[in-house]
Amino acid sequence: PVFLINFAEVNNTAQNFVHFTEEEEDLVFRMHRLVGNRYPNTHITYL
């Protein structure tokens, strides 16, 4: 899985592609459900 992460608070054009294993992807989704969106200016898009 590949995620596009846009760090809007740093720079509106700053984007990073991050490759996750299935285990890491599962952890990201479970942590997001647990703590919610603590960083509203960071947008994660699944590609």
C-alpha atoms as a PDB file:
ATOM      1  CA  PRO A   1       0.000   0.000   0.000  1.00  0.00           C
ATOM      2  CA  VAL A   2       1.098   3.544  -0.761  1.00  0.00           C
ATOM      3  CA  PHE A   3      -0.046   6.645   1.082  1.00  0.00           C
ATOM      4  CA  LEU A   4       0.373  10.224  -0.050  1.00  0.00           C
ATOM      5  CA  ILE A   5       0.982  12.441   2.966  1.00  0.00           C
ATOM      6  CA  ASN A   6       0.550  16.199   2.587  1.00  0.00           C
ATOM      7  CA  PHE A   7       1.959  18.261   5.445  1.00  0.00           C
ATOM      8  CA  ALA A   8      -0.042  21.455   4.866  1.00  0.00           C
ATOM      9  CA  GLU A   9       1.262  23.233   7.959  1.00  0.00           C
ATOM     10  CA  VAL A  10       4.857  22.934   6.726  1.00  0.00           C
ATOM     11  CA  ASN A  11       4.382  23.750   3.069  1.00  0.00           C
ATOM     12  CA  ASN A  12       1.285  23.502   0.891  1.00  0.00           C
ATOM     13  CA  THR A  13       3.281  21.732  -1.821  1.00  0.00           C
ATOM     14  CA  ALA A  14       5.287  19.403   0.438  1.00  0.00           C
ATOM     15  CA  GLN A  15       4.224  15.840  -0.241  1.00  0.00           C
ATOM     16  CA  ASN A  16       5.779  12.514   0.614  1.00  0.00           C
ATOM     17  CA  PHE A  17       4.961   9.060  -0.691  1.00  0.00           C
ATOM     18  CA  VAL A  18       5.174   6.442   2.031  1.00  0.00           C
ATOM     19  CA  HIS A  19       5.132   2.687   1.419  1.00  0.00           C
ATOM     20  CA  PHE A  20       3.611   0.657   4.265  1.00  0.00           C
ATOM     21  CA  THR A  21       3.513  -3.062   4.885  1.00  0.00           C
ATOM     22  CA  GLU A  22       0.065  -4.521   5.570  1.00  0.00           C
ATOM     23  CA  GLU A  23       0.911  -4.666   9.282  1.00  0.00           C
ATOM     24  CA  GLU A  24       1.922  -0.993   9.308  1.00  0.00           C
ATOM     25  CA  GLU A  25      -1.214  -0.006   7.415  1.00  0.00           C
ATOM     26  CA  ASP A  26      -3.357  -1.852   9.964  1.00  0.00           C
ATOM     27  CA  LEU A  27      -1.532  -0.084  12.800  1.00  0.00           C
ATOM     28  CA  VAL A  28      -2.095   3.343  11.192  1.00  0.00           C
ATOM     29  CA  PHE A  29      -5.842   2.734  10.867  1.00  0.00           C
ATOM     30  CA  ARG A  30      -6.169   1.337  14.404  1.00  0.00           C
ATOM     31  CA  MET A  31      -4.211   4.256  15.909  1.00  0.00           C
ATOM     32  CA  HIS A  32      -6.342   6.749  13.967  1.00  0.00           C
ATOM     33  CA  ARG A  33      -9.512   5.150  15.347  1.00  0.00           C
ATOM     34  CA  LEU A  34      -8.031   5.283  18.848  1.00  0.00           C
ATOM     35  CA  VAL A  35      -6.696   8.859  18.957  1.00  0.00           C
ATOM     36  CA  GLY A  36      -8.538  10.524  16.081  1.00  0.00           C
ATOM     37  CA  ASN A  37      -7.108  13.258  13.906  1.00  0.00           C
ATOM     38  CA  ARG A  38      -4.673  15.083  16.192  1.00  0.00           C
ATOM     39  CA  TYR A  39      -3.028  16.894  13.291  1.00  0.00           C
ATOM     40  CA  PRO A  40      -5.816  18.446  11.186  1.00  0.00           C
ATOM     41  CA  ASN A  41      -3.356  20.008   8.714  1.00  0.00           C
ATOM     42  CA  THR A  42      -1.918  16.613   7.771  1.00  0.00           C
ATOM     43  CA  HIS A  43      -3.853  14.795   5.077  1.00  0.00           C
ATOM     44  CA  ILE A  44      -3.286  11.121   4.288  1.00  0.00           C
ATOM     45  CA  THR A  45      -4.602   9.718   1.028  1.00  0.00           C
ATOM     46  CA  TYR A  46      -4.539   6.026   0.147  1.00  0.00           C
ATOM     47  CA  LEU A  47      -3.297   5.459  -3.419  1.00  0.00           C
END
